């Protein structure tokens, strides 16, 4: 895959309001906090200083001074560890709208060094759309990216509270439709990431996780049952031209939670499962915005998902393996 810029400046298309937000962010990028260590640990009182930088997949945390190892957490889950001798090394934190980011010392005291809610556009990365299926209205799922790409529930999918929250589909007639997707920039590459659990075959051997269609073209992530116990994953960026399509060689079991990620930079596409590269290919085509469905095919009422969606992320940037692994870890 061609290299993409991970810490580029915010695109001018976002306008003056975002530029003001960037100025405000830059004015507080260096956060210095003092903390005392437990007596008897042999570690002197120290100072921790961090620089926070924008990244296409979220934020970089750059420790400028550390007196102890620290954990970086999103919503209470550890997503990165930073050692005390790592001053100056950037660590990618795949923040998303509404996240709570905390940096906590790893000594016995577990001091909170930084606590911040992520809700500024400049802190969330290159999102087109972002969905967490932990709550929603009776007929809608909210796009938390700020781009207004809300989805309409069709059939009778059920909101579930277990496992952090999900939307459950029955494999027969439940799905979600998002029409006229808008993005803050012209889209010529993308990354789509889906946290899901398939519980069995639906009415068809193929089950759609996400499918996007525009001007007679499609890209999608789907599963194909290869027996009563499991399935393979398909990722296409060139459909209906099957030369822009790959499939995993591995089989995955029903009732298992996974994170599937597809990337496309306009020439190379890659399919990852749980942060591990499973298949890739080359295919050249233009990319545009259109309509999107979760849990059902576009052309006809088939290929329904029997299972749950926990989270879906759609970015206007193609990510390399390190960034995919970071995102997958945050979504797992």
C-alpha atoms as a PDB file:
ATOM      1  CA  UNK A   1       0.000   0.000   0.000  1.00  0.00           C
ATOM      2  CA  UNK A   2       1.236   3.469  -0.727  1.00  0.00           C
ATOM      3  CA  UNK A   3       2.217   5.518   2.296  1.00  0.00           C
ATOM      4  CA  UNK A   4      -0.429   7.889   3.636  1.00  0.00           C
ATOM      5  CA  UNK A   5       0.230  10.923   5.771  1.00  0.00           C
ATOM      6  CA  UNK A   6      -0.588  10.170   9.378  1.00  0.00           C
ATOM      7  CA  UNK A   7      -0.090  13.597  10.936  1.00  0.00           C
ATOM      8  CA  UNK A   8      -0.935  15.962   8.145  1.00  0.00           C
ATOM      9  CA  UNK A   9      -2.442  19.356   8.834  1.00  0.00           C
ATOM     10  CA  UNK A  10      -6.212  19.658   8.906  1.00  0.00           C
ATOM     11  CA  UNK A  11      -7.541  20.108   5.378  1.00  0.00           C
ATOM     12  CA  UNK A  12      -8.642  23.646   4.446  1.00  0.00           C
ATOM     13  CA  UNK A  13     -11.990  22.263   3.279  1.00  0.00           C
ATOM     14  CA  UNK A  14     -13.101  22.061   6.893  1.00  0.00           C
ATOM     15  CA  UNK A  15     -13.228  25.848   7.063  1.00  0.00           C
ATOM     16  CA  UNK A  16     -12.419  28.633   9.428  1.00  0.00           C
ATOM     17  CA  UNK A  17     -14.300  27.149  12.385  1.00  0.00           C
ATOM     18  CA  UNK A  18     -11.980  24.127  12.372  1.00  0.00           C
ATOM     19  CA  UNK A  19      -8.932  26.362  11.990  1.00  0.00           C
ATOM     20  CA  UNK A  20      -9.951  28.170  15.165  1.00  0.00           C
ATOM     21  CA  UNK A  21     -10.260  24.779  16.897  1.00  0.00           C
ATOM     22  CA  UNK A  22      -6.774  23.841  15.707  1.00  0.00           C
ATOM     23  CA  UNK A  23      -5.353  27.085  17.114  1.00  0.00           C
ATOM     24  CA  UNK A  24      -6.996  26.351  20.429  1.00  0.00           C
ATOM     25  CA  UNK A  25      -5.627  22.810  20.385  1.00  0.00           C
ATOM     26  CA  UNK A  26      -2.114  23.980  19.586  1.00  0.00           C
ATOM     27  CA  UNK A  27      -2.294  26.470  22.422  1.00  0.00           C
ATOM     28  CA  UNK A  28      -2.642  23.606  24.909  1.00  0.00           C
ATOM     29  CA  UNK A  29      -0.677  20.816  23.247  1.00  0.00           C
ATOM     30  CA  UNK A  30       1.940  20.630  25.954  1.00  0.00           C
ATOM     31  CA  UNK A  31       0.345  19.439  29.135  1.00  0.00           C
ATOM     32  CA  UNK A  32       2.622  19.343  32.165  1.00  0.00           C
ATOM     33  CA  UNK A  33       1.463  17.608  35.277  1.00  0.00           C
ATOM     34  CA  UNK A  34       3.376  16.908  38.483  1.00  0.00           C
ATOM     35  CA  UNK A  35       2.728  13.847  40.566  1.00  0.00           C
ATOM     36  CA  UNK A  36       4.295  12.268  43.673  1.00  0.00           C
ATOM     37  CA  UNK A  37       5.192   8.579  43.758  1.00  0.00           C
ATOM     38  CA  UNK A  38       4.498   6.313  46.680  1.00  0.00           C
ATOM     39  CA  UNK A  39       7.006   6.480  49.476  1.00  0.00           C
ATOM     40  CA  UNK A  40       9.269   3.470  49.603  1.00  0.00           C
ATOM     41  CA  UNK A  41       9.140   2.664  45.896  1.00  0.00           C
ATOM     42  CA  UNK A  42      12.606   4.119  45.307  1.00  0.00           C
ATOM     43  CA  UNK A  43      11.325   6.410  42.538  1.00  0.00           C
ATOM     44  CA  UNK A  44      11.769  10.142  43.114  1.00  0.00           C
ATOM     45  CA  UNK A  45       9.019  12.670  42.625  1.00  0.00           C
ATOM     46  CA  UNK A  46       8.917  13.406  38.907  1.00  0.00           C
ATOM     47  CA  UNK A  47       7.272  15.459  36.247  1.00  0.00           C
ATOM     48  CA  UNK A  48       5.335  14.155  33.265  1.00  0.00           C
ATOM     49  CA  UNK A  49       4.929  16.221  30.127  1.00  0.00           C
ATOM     50  CA  UNK A  50       3.071  15.199  26.976  1.00  0.00           C
ATOM     51  CA  UNK A  51       2.591  16.789  23.593  1.00  0.00           C
ATOM     52  CA  UNK A  52      -0.660  15.998  21.798  1.00  0.00           C
ATOM     53  CA  UNK A  53      -0.603  16.003  17.983  1.00  0.00           C
ATOM     54  CA  UNK A  54      -3.297  15.434  15.369  1.00  0.00           C
ATOM     55  CA  UNK A  55      -3.211  12.237  13.305  1.00  0.00           C
ATOM     56  CA  UNK A  56      -5.375  10.884  10.491  1.00  0.00           C
ATOM     57  CA  UNK A  57      -6.413   7.970  12.724  1.00  0.00           C
ATOM     58  CA  UNK A  58      -6.862  10.010  15.919  1.00  0.00           C
ATOM     59  CA  UNK A  59      -4.185  11.608  18.094  1.00  0.00           C
ATOM     60  CA  UNK A  60      -0.494  11.122  18.727  1.00  0.00           C
ATOM     61  CA  UNK A  61       0.641  11.225  22.340  1.00  0.00           C
ATOM     62  CA  UNK A  62       4.299  12.239  22.560  1.00  0.00           C
ATOM     63  CA  UNK A  63       5.865  11.940  26.049  1.00  0.00           C
ATOM     64  CA  UNK A  64       8.395  14.726  26.566  1.00  0.00           C
ATOM     65  CA  UNK A  65       9.326  13.647  30.094  1.00  0.00           C
ATOM     66  CA  UNK A  66       8.309  10.633  32.146  1.00  0.00           C
ATOM     67  CA  UNK A  67       9.229   9.431  35.593  1.00  0.00           C
ATOM     68  CA  UNK A  68       7.236   6.191  35.334  1.00  0.00           C
ATOM     69  CA  UNK A  69       5.602   3.866  32.810  1.00  0.00           C
ATOM     70  CA  UNK A  70       2.053   4.884  31.878  1.00  0.00           C
ATOM     71  CA  UNK A  71      -1.066   3.378  30.322  1.00  0.00           C
ATOM     72  CA  UNK A  72      -3.229   5.195  27.785  1.00  0.00           C
ATOM     73  CA  UNK A  73      -6.891   4.261  28.063  1.00  0.00           C
ATOM     74  CA  UNK A  74      -9.946   4.914  25.915  1.00  0.00           C
ATOM     75  CA  UNK A  75     -13.256   4.580  27.749  1.00  0.00           C
ATOM     76  CA  UNK A  76     -11.519   2.625  30.508  1.00  0.00           C
ATOM     77  CA  UNK A  77      -9.827   0.106  28.185  1.00  0.00           C
ATOM     78  CA  UNK A  78      -6.046   0.161  27.824  1.00  0.00           C
ATOM     79  CA  UNK A  79      -5.023   0.789  24.214  1.00  0.00           C
ATOM     80  CA  UNK A  80      -1.321   1.614  24.632  1.00  0.00           C
ATOM     81  CA  UNK A  81       1.572   1.409  27.080  1.00  0.00           C
ATOM     82  CA  UNK A  82       4.335   4.005  27.189  1.00  0.00           C
ATOM     83  CA  UNK A  83       7.584   3.193  28.957  1.00  0.00           C
ATOM     84  CA  UNK A  84       9.425   5.762  31.039  1.00  0.00           C
ATOM     85  CA  UNK A  85      12.393   5.662  28.633  1.00  0.00           C
ATOM     86  CA  UNK A  86      10.223   6.444  25.569  1.00  0.00           C
ATOM     87  CA  UNK A  87      10.464  10.226  25.674  1.00  0.00           C
ATOM     88  CA  UNK A  88      10.089  11.712  22.213  1.00  0.00           C
ATOM     89  CA  UNK A  89       8.448   8.638  20.641  1.00  0.00           C
ATOM     90  CA  UNK A  90       4.981   9.169  19.138  1.00  0.00           C
ATOM     91  CA  UNK A  91       2.226   6.733  20.137  1.00  0.00           C
ATOM     92  CA  UNK A  92      -0.953   6.625  18.032  1.00  0.00           C
ATOM     93  CA  UNK A  93      -4.212   6.684  19.978  1.00  0.00           C
ATOM     94  CA  UNK A  94      -7.191   5.911  17.669  1.00  0.00           C
ATOM     95  CA  UNK A  95      -9.620   8.352  19.217  1.00  0.00           C
ATOM     96  CA  UNK A  96     -13.242   8.599  18.097  1.00  0.00           C
ATOM     97  CA  UNK A  97     -16.015  11.095  18.900  1.00  0.00           C
ATOM     98  CA  UNK A  98     -17.195  10.828  22.492  1.00  0.00           C
ATOM     99  CA  UNK A  99     -14.165   8.853  23.710  1.00  0.00           C
ATOM    100  CA  UNK A 100     -12.712   9.489  27.149  1.00  0.00           C
ATOM    101  CA  UNK A 101      -8.922   9.411  26.955  1.00  0.00           C
ATOM    102  CA  UNK A 102      -6.938   9.048  30.168  1.00  0.00           C
ATOM    103  CA  UNK A 103      -3.222   8.616  30.807  1.00  0.00           C
ATOM    104  CA  UNK A 104      -2.542   6.780  34.059  1.00  0.00           C
ATOM    105  CA  UNK A 105       0.739   6.040  35.822  1.00  0.00           C
ATOM    106  CA  UNK A 106       1.478   2.323  36.129  1.00  0.00           C
ATOM    107  CA  UNK A 107       2.867   2.489  39.653  1.00  0.00           C
ATOM    108  CA  UNK A 108       0.787   1.366  42.599  1.00  0.00           C
ATOM    109  CA  UNK A 109      -0.716   4.816  42.956  1.00  0.00           C
ATOM    110  CA  UNK A 110      -2.273   4.725  39.449  1.00  0.00           C
ATOM    111  CA  UNK A 111      -2.290   8.521  39.250  1.00  0.00           C
ATOM    112  CA  UNK A 112      -4.415  10.047  36.484  1.00  0.00           C
ATOM    113  CA  UNK A 113      -2.103  12.352  34.553  1.00  0.00           C
ATOM    114  CA  UNK A 114      -4.478  13.381  31.758  1.00  0.00           C
ATOM    115  CA  UNK A 115      -8.248  13.023  31.474  1.00  0.00           C
ATOM    116  CA  UNK A 116      -9.918  14.399  28.359  1.00  0.00           C
ATOM    117  CA  UNK A 117     -13.173  13.875  26.507  1.00  0.00           C
ATOM    118  CA  UNK A 118     -12.662  13.698  22.742  1.00  0.00           C
ATOM    119  CA  UNK A 119     -15.303  15.799  21.033  1.00  0.00           C
ATOM    120  CA  UNK A 120     -13.438  18.393  18.978  1.00  0.00           C
ATOM    121  CA  UNK A 121     -13.286  17.723  15.224  1.00  0.00           C
ATOM    122  CA  UNK A 122      -9.500  18.173  15.184  1.00  0.00           C
ATOM    123  CA  UNK A 123      -9.062  15.365  17.742  1.00  0.00           C
ATOM    124  CA  UNK A 124     -10.912  12.520  16.028  1.00  0.00           C
ATOM    125  CA  UNK A 125      -9.056  11.797  12.800  1.00  0.00           C
ATOM    126  CA  UNK A 126     -10.279  11.555   9.211  1.00  0.00           C
ATOM    127  CA  UNK A 127     -13.800  10.273   9.815  1.00  0.00           C
ATOM    128  CA  UNK A 128     -16.516  10.104   7.190  1.00  0.00           C
ATOM    129  CA  UNK A 129     -18.895   8.281   9.538  1.00  0.00           C
ATOM    130  CA  UNK A 130     -18.754   6.659  12.970  1.00  0.00           C
ATOM    131  CA  UNK A 131     -21.356   4.410  14.582  1.00  0.00           C
ATOM    132  CA  UNK A 132     -21.421   2.872  18.055  1.00  0.00           C
ATOM    133  CA  UNK A 133     -24.359   0.545  18.444  1.00  0.00           C
ATOM    134  CA  UNK A 134     -24.751   1.046  22.182  1.00  0.00           C
ATOM    135  CA  UNK A 135     -27.967   3.088  22.006  1.00  0.00           C
ATOM    136  CA  UNK A 136     -30.214   4.770  19.517  1.00  0.00           C
ATOM    137  CA  UNK A 137     -33.689   5.885  18.643  1.00  0.00           C
ATOM    138  CA  UNK A 138     -36.425   3.432  17.729  1.00  0.00           C
ATOM    139  CA  UNK A 139     -35.762   3.911  14.010  1.00  0.00           C
ATOM    140  CA  UNK A 140     -32.315   5.516  13.704  1.00  0.00           C
ATOM    141  CA  UNK A 141     -28.637   4.962  14.399  1.00  0.00           C
ATOM    142  CA  UNK A 142     -26.637   8.138  15.004  1.00  0.00           C
ATOM    143  CA  UNK A 143     -23.505   9.087  13.066  1.00  0.00           C
ATOM    144  CA  UNK A 144     -21.181  10.453  15.748  1.00  0.00           C
ATOM    145  CA  UNK A 145     -18.623  11.867  13.314  1.00  0.00           C
ATOM    146  CA  UNK A 146     -20.481  15.149  13.003  1.00  0.00           C
ATOM    147  CA  UNK A 147     -21.073  14.652   9.260  1.00  0.00           C
ATOM    148  CA  UNK A 148     -24.772  13.880   9.583  1.00  0.00           C
ATOM    149  CA  UNK A 149     -24.705  10.372   8.068  1.00  0.00           C
ATOM    150  CA  UNK A 150     -27.437   8.933  10.271  1.00  0.00           C
ATOM    151  CA  UNK A 151     -28.910   5.542   9.432  1.00  0.00           C
ATOM    152  CA  UNK A 152     -32.506   4.316   9.260  1.00  0.00           C
ATOM    153  CA  UNK A 153     -33.406   0.972  10.829  1.00  0.00           C
ATOM    154  CA  UNK A 154     -35.436  -1.385   8.639  1.00  0.00           C
ATOM    155  CA  UNK A 155     -37.242  -4.484   9.830  1.00  0.00           C
ATOM    156  CA  UNK A 156     -36.900  -4.937  13.569  1.00  0.00           C
ATOM    157  CA  UNK A 157     -33.230  -5.036  14.659  1.00  0.00           C
ATOM    158  CA  UNK A 158     -32.835  -5.107  18.432  1.00  0.00           C
ATOM    159  CA  UNK A 159     -30.646  -2.943  20.651  1.00  0.00           C
ATOM    160  CA  UNK A 160     -28.557  -5.060  23.048  1.00  0.00           C
ATOM    161  CA  UNK A 161     -26.719  -3.850  26.153  1.00  0.00           C
ATOM    162  CA  UNK A 162     -24.181  -6.668  26.572  1.00  0.00           C
ATOM    163  CA  UNK A 163     -20.575  -6.439  25.372  1.00  0.00           C
ATOM    164  CA  UNK A 164     -20.599  -2.652  25.376  1.00  0.00           C
ATOM    165  CA  UNK A 165     -23.819  -2.440  23.370  1.00  0.00           C
ATOM    166  CA  UNK A 166     -24.795  -3.694  19.909  1.00  0.00           C
ATOM    167  CA  UNK A 167     -27.530  -3.845  17.303  1.00  0.00           C
ATOM    168  CA  UNK A 168     -28.733  -7.401  16.658  1.00  0.00           C
ATOM    169  CA  UNK A 169     -30.019  -8.553  13.254  1.00  0.00           C
ATOM    170  CA  UNK A 170     -32.196 -11.633  12.742  1.00  0.00           C
ATOM    171  CA  UNK A 171     -30.785 -12.838   9.384  1.00  0.00           C
ATOM    172  CA  UNK A 172     -34.169 -12.496   7.677  1.00  0.00           C
ATOM    173  CA  UNK A 173     -35.282  -8.882   7.175  1.00  0.00           C
ATOM    174  CA  UNK A 174     -33.326  -6.566   9.519  1.00  0.00           C
ATOM    175  CA  UNK A 175     -30.869  -3.979   8.187  1.00  0.00           C
ATOM    176  CA  UNK A 176     -29.784  -0.310   8.257  1.00  0.00           C
ATOM    177  CA  UNK A 177     -29.747   2.171   5.361  1.00  0.00           C
ATOM    178  CA  UNK A 178     -27.667   5.371   5.130  1.00  0.00           C
ATOM    179  CA  UNK A 179     -28.458   7.573   2.130  1.00  0.00           C
ATOM    180  CA  UNK A 180     -26.388  10.285   0.436  1.00  0.00           C
ATOM    181  CA  UNK A 181     -23.262   9.965   2.566  1.00  0.00           C
ATOM    182  CA  UNK A 182     -21.435  13.256   2.993  1.00  0.00           C
ATOM    183  CA  UNK A 183     -17.708  13.664   3.698  1.00  0.00           C
ATOM    184  CA  UNK A 184     -15.692  16.751   4.685  1.00  0.00           C
ATOM    185  CA  UNK A 185     -13.286  16.274   1.744  1.00  0.00           C
ATOM    186  CA  UNK A 186     -13.233  14.751  -1.732  1.00  0.00           C
ATOM    187  CA  UNK A 187     -12.789  11.025  -1.129  1.00  0.00           C
ATOM    188  CA  UNK A 188     -10.259   9.102  -3.242  1.00  0.00           C
ATOM    189  CA  UNK A 189      -9.211   6.471  -0.657  1.00  0.00           C
ATOM    190  CA  UNK A 190     -10.801   5.005   2.464  1.00  0.00           C
ATOM    191  CA  UNK A 191     -10.639   2.619   5.423  1.00  0.00           C
ATOM    192  CA  UNK A 192     -13.722   0.806   6.733  1.00  0.00           C
ATOM    193  CA  UNK A 193     -13.640  -1.055  10.068  1.00  0.00           C
ATOM    194  CA  UNK A 194     -16.433  -3.230  11.514  1.00  0.00           C
ATOM    195  CA  UNK A 195     -16.640  -4.853  14.954  1.00  0.00           C
ATOM    196  CA  UNK A 196     -19.200  -7.657  14.725  1.00  0.00           C
ATOM    197  CA  UNK A 197     -20.287 -11.126  15.818  1.00  0.00           C
ATOM    198  CA  UNK A 198     -22.026 -13.520  13.428  1.00  0.00           C
ATOM    199  CA  UNK A 199     -24.172 -16.048  15.242  1.00  0.00           C
ATOM    200  CA  UNK A 200     -25.088 -18.264  12.277  1.00  0.00           C
ATOM    201  CA  UNK A 201     -26.265 -18.395   8.692  1.00  0.00           C
ATOM    202  CA  UNK A 202     -29.086 -16.146   7.673  1.00  0.00           C
ATOM    203  CA  UNK A 203     -31.467 -16.758   4.802  1.00  0.00           C
ATOM    204  CA  UNK A 204     -28.497 -16.866   2.408  1.00  0.00           C
ATOM    205  CA  UNK A 205     -24.968 -18.265   2.604  1.00  0.00           C
ATOM    206  CA  UNK A 206     -23.637 -14.705   2.109  1.00  0.00           C
ATOM    207  CA  UNK A 207     -24.130 -12.124   4.850  1.00  0.00           C
ATOM    208  CA  UNK A 208     -23.315  -8.448   4.377  1.00  0.00           C
ATOM    209  CA  UNK A 209     -21.539  -6.568   7.136  1.00  0.00           C
ATOM    210  CA  UNK A 210     -21.374  -3.289   5.206  1.00  0.00           C
ATOM    211  CA  UNK A 211     -21.988  -2.459   1.544  1.00  0.00           C
ATOM    212  CA  UNK A 212     -21.501   0.916  -0.163  1.00  0.00           C
ATOM    213  CA  UNK A 213     -22.892   1.715  -3.616  1.00  0.00           C
ATOM    214  CA  UNK A 214     -22.508   4.641  -6.015  1.00  0.00           C
ATOM    215  CA  UNK A 215     -23.044   5.052  -9.776  1.00  0.00           C
ATOM    216  CA  UNK A 216     -23.348   1.310 -10.381  1.00  0.00           C
ATOM    217  CA  UNK A 217     -20.203   0.521  -8.351  1.00  0.00           C
ATOM    218  CA  UNK A 218     -19.757  -1.083  -4.944  1.00  0.00           C
ATOM    219  CA  UNK A 219     -17.326  -1.846  -2.198  1.00  0.00           C
ATOM    220  CA  UNK A 220     -18.244  -4.195   0.637  1.00  0.00           C
ATOM    221  CA  UNK A 221     -17.251  -6.468   3.506  1.00  0.00           C
ATOM    222  CA  UNK A 222     -19.259  -9.696   3.611  1.00  0.00           C
ATOM    223  CA  UNK A 223     -19.076 -13.205   5.036  1.00  0.00           C
ATOM    224  CA  UNK A 224     -19.569 -16.454   3.135  1.00  0.00           C
ATOM    225  CA  UNK A 225     -20.634 -19.516   5.121  1.00  0.00           C
ATOM    226  CA  UNK A 226     -18.484 -22.558   4.417  1.00  0.00           C
ATOM    227  CA  UNK A 227     -20.447 -24.998   6.517  1.00  0.00           C
ATOM    228  CA  UNK A 228     -22.583 -25.022   9.617  1.00  0.00           C
ATOM    229  CA  UNK A 229     -19.723 -23.948  11.898  1.00  0.00           C
ATOM    230  CA  UNK A 230     -18.015 -21.016  10.202  1.00  0.00           C
ATOM    231  CA  UNK A 231     -17.391 -18.635   7.347  1.00  0.00           C
ATOM    232  CA  UNK A 232     -14.775 -16.779   5.292  1.00  0.00           C
ATOM    233  CA  UNK A 233     -14.592 -13.016   4.745  1.00  0.00           C
ATOM    234  CA  UNK A 234     -14.787 -11.253   1.375  1.00  0.00           C
ATOM    235  CA  UNK A 235     -13.616  -7.701   0.695  1.00  0.00           C
ATOM    236  CA  UNK A 236     -14.343  -6.028  -2.650  1.00  0.00           C
ATOM    237  CA  UNK A 237     -13.461  -2.577  -3.947  1.00  0.00           C
ATOM    238  CA  UNK A 238     -14.152  -3.265  -7.634  1.00  0.00           C
ATOM    239  CA  UNK A 239     -17.510  -5.025  -7.675  1.00  0.00           C
ATOM    240  CA  UNK A 240     -19.080  -5.953 -10.090  1.00  0.00           C
ATOM    241  CA  UNK A 241     -15.578  -6.440 -11.531  1.00  0.00           C
ATOM    242  CA  UNK A 242     -14.396  -9.369  -9.403  1.00  0.00           C
ATOM    243  CA  UNK A 243     -10.718  -8.610 -10.068  1.00  0.00           C
ATOM    244  CA  UNK A 244     -11.046  -6.043  -7.274  1.00  0.00           C
ATOM    245  CA  UNK A 245     -12.007  -8.663  -4.701  1.00  0.00           C
ATOM    246  CA  UNK A 246     -10.192 -10.876  -2.163  1.00  0.00           C
ATOM    247  CA  UNK A 247     -11.189 -13.570   0.337  1.00  0.00           C
ATOM    248  CA  UNK A 248      -9.622 -14.842   3.535  1.00  0.00           C
ATOM    249  CA  UNK A 249      -8.122 -18.314   3.463  1.00  0.00           C
ATOM    250  CA  UNK A 250      -8.908 -18.720   7.147  1.00  0.00           C
ATOM    251  CA  UNK A 251     -12.296 -19.809   8.443  1.00  0.00           C
ATOM    252  CA  UNK A 252     -13.892 -17.989  11.376  1.00  0.00           C
ATOM    253  CA  UNK A 253     -16.341 -19.520  13.789  1.00  0.00           C
ATOM    254  CA  UNK A 254     -19.879 -18.393  14.466  1.00  0.00           C
ATOM    255  CA  UNK A 255     -20.459 -16.690  17.831  1.00  0.00           C
ATOM    256  CA  UNK A 256     -16.952 -15.169  17.837  1.00  0.00           C
ATOM    257  CA  UNK A 257     -16.393 -11.413  17.983  1.00  0.00           C
ATOM    258  CA  UNK A 258     -14.008 -10.013  15.345  1.00  0.00           C
ATOM    259  CA  UNK A 259     -12.873  -6.713  13.855  1.00  0.00           C
ATOM    260  CA  UNK A 260     -12.710  -6.694  10.045  1.00  0.00           C
ATOM    261  CA  UNK A 261     -10.897  -3.807   8.324  1.00  0.00           C
ATOM    262  CA  UNK A 262     -10.677  -3.011   4.623  1.00  0.00           C
ATOM    263  CA  UNK A 263      -8.393  -0.320   3.224  1.00  0.00           C
ATOM    264  CA  UNK A 264      -8.076   1.118  -0.283  1.00  0.00           C
ATOM    265  CA  UNK A 265      -5.674   3.812  -1.522  1.00  0.00           C
ATOM    266  CA  UNK A 266      -6.909   3.971  -5.100  1.00  0.00           C
ATOM    267  CA  UNK A 267      -4.537   1.268  -6.321  1.00  0.00           C
ATOM    268  CA  UNK A 268      -3.939  -1.247  -3.515  1.00  0.00           C
ATOM    269  CA  UNK A 269      -6.497  -2.813  -1.170  1.00  0.00           C
ATOM    270  CA  UNK A 270      -5.978  -4.905   1.969  1.00  0.00           C
ATOM    271  CA  UNK A 271      -8.199  -6.991   4.231  1.00  0.00           C
ATOM    272  CA  UNK A 272      -7.352  -7.383   7.928  1.00  0.00           C
ATOM    273  CA  UNK A 273      -9.062  -9.432  10.622  1.00  0.00           C
ATOM    274  CA  UNK A 274      -8.275  -8.599  14.258  1.00  0.00           C
ATOM    275  CA  UNK A 275      -5.277  -6.557  13.115  1.00  0.00           C
ATOM    276  CA  UNK A 276      -3.729  -9.318  11.001  1.00  0.00           C
ATOM    277  CA  UNK A 277      -3.370  -8.943   7.225  1.00  0.00           C
ATOM    278  CA  UNK A 278      -5.362 -11.755   5.577  1.00  0.00           C
ATOM    279  CA  UNK A 279      -5.498 -10.814   1.876  1.00  0.00           C
ATOM    280  CA  UNK A 280      -4.559  -8.010  -0.505  1.00  0.00           C
ATOM    281  CA  UNK A 281      -4.690  -7.044  -4.143  1.00  0.00           C
ATOM    282  CA  UNK A 282      -4.282  -4.242  -6.667  1.00  0.00           C
ATOM    283  CA  UNK A 283      -7.114  -2.483  -8.452  1.00  0.00           C
ATOM    284  CA  UNK A 284      -7.468   1.053  -9.798  1.00  0.00           C
ATOM    285  CA  UNK A 285     -10.713   2.949  -9.780  1.00  0.00           C
ATOM    286  CA  UNK A 286     -12.179   6.254  -8.652  1.00  0.00           C
ATOM    287  CA  UNK A 287     -13.952   6.389  -5.288  1.00  0.00           C
ATOM    288  CA  UNK A 288     -17.025   8.479  -4.588  1.00  0.00           C
ATOM    289  CA  UNK A 289     -19.686   8.807  -1.919  1.00  0.00           C
ATOM    290  CA  UNK A 290     -23.118   7.228  -2.321  1.00  0.00           C
ATOM    291  CA  UNK A 291     -25.400   5.107  -0.121  1.00  0.00           C
ATOM    292  CA  UNK A 292     -24.524   2.458   2.445  1.00  0.00           C
ATOM    293  CA  UNK A 293     -26.260  -0.505   4.060  1.00  0.00           C
ATOM    294  CA  UNK A 294     -25.470  -2.607   7.100  1.00  0.00           C
ATOM    295  CA  UNK A 295     -26.583  -6.261   7.198  1.00  0.00           C
ATOM    296  CA  UNK A 296     -28.194  -6.490   3.712  1.00  0.00           C
ATOM    297  CA  UNK A 297     -27.384  -6.532   0.020  1.00  0.00           C
ATOM    298  CA  UNK A 298     -28.166  -3.525  -2.179  1.00  0.00           C
ATOM    299  CA  UNK A 299     -29.493  -5.144  -5.347  1.00  0.00           C
ATOM    300  CA  UNK A 300     -32.109  -7.389  -3.779  1.00  0.00           C
ATOM    301  CA  UNK A 301     -33.508  -8.316  -0.352  1.00  0.00           C
ATOM    302  CA  UNK A 302     -31.002 -11.073   0.379  1.00  0.00           C
ATOM    303  CA  UNK A 303     -27.701 -11.609   2.224  1.00  0.00           C
ATOM    304  CA  UNK A 304     -29.005 -10.551   5.632  1.00  0.00           C
ATOM    305  CA  UNK A 305     -26.695 -10.735   8.646  1.00  0.00           C
ATOM    306  CA  UNK A 306     -27.594 -13.088  11.471  1.00  0.00           C
ATOM    307  CA  UNK A 307     -25.602 -11.506  14.279  1.00  0.00           C
ATOM    308  CA  UNK A 308     -24.581  -8.233  15.921  1.00  0.00           C
ATOM    309  CA  UNK A 309     -22.773  -5.021  14.988  1.00  0.00           C
ATOM    310  CA  UNK A 310     -20.858  -3.286  17.778  1.00  0.00           C
ATOM    311  CA  UNK A 311     -19.068  -0.480  15.966  1.00  0.00           C
ATOM    312  CA  UNK A 312     -18.428   0.780  12.413  1.00  0.00           C
ATOM    313  CA  UNK A 313     -15.769   3.337  11.411  1.00  0.00           C
ATOM    314  CA  UNK A 314     -15.381   4.856   7.944  1.00  0.00           C
ATOM    315  CA  UNK A 315     -12.355   7.085   7.252  1.00  0.00           C
ATOM    316  CA  UNK A 316     -11.359   9.051   4.131  1.00  0.00           C
ATOM    317  CA  UNK A 317      -7.751   7.854   4.476  1.00  0.00           C
ATOM    318  CA  UNK A 318      -6.159   4.480   3.691  1.00  0.00           C
ATOM    319  CA  UNK A 319      -4.157   3.206   6.683  1.00  0.00           C
ATOM    320  CA  UNK A 320      -1.100   0.975   6.892  1.00  0.00           C
ATOM    321  CA  UNK A 321      -0.863  -2.138   9.069  1.00  0.00           C
ATOM    322  CA  UNK A 322       0.285  -0.335  12.222  1.00  0.00           C
ATOM    323  CA  UNK A 323      -2.658   2.045  12.135  1.00  0.00           C
ATOM    324  CA  UNK A 324      -5.076  -0.788  11.351  1.00  0.00           C
ATOM    325  CA  UNK A 325      -3.796  -2.742  14.352  1.00  0.00           C
ATOM    326  CA  UNK A 326      -4.225   0.307  16.564  1.00  0.00           C
ATOM    327  CA  UNK A 327      -7.811   0.796  15.395  1.00  0.00           C
ATOM    328  CA  UNK A 328      -8.594  -2.922  15.740  1.00  0.00           C
ATOM    329  CA  UNK A 329      -7.262  -2.951  19.283  1.00  0.00           C
ATOM    330  CA  UNK A 330      -9.492  -0.014  20.216  1.00  0.00           C
ATOM    331  CA  UNK A 331     -12.568  -1.692  18.672  1.00  0.00           C
ATOM    332  CA  UNK A 332     -11.994  -5.187  20.037  1.00  0.00           C
END
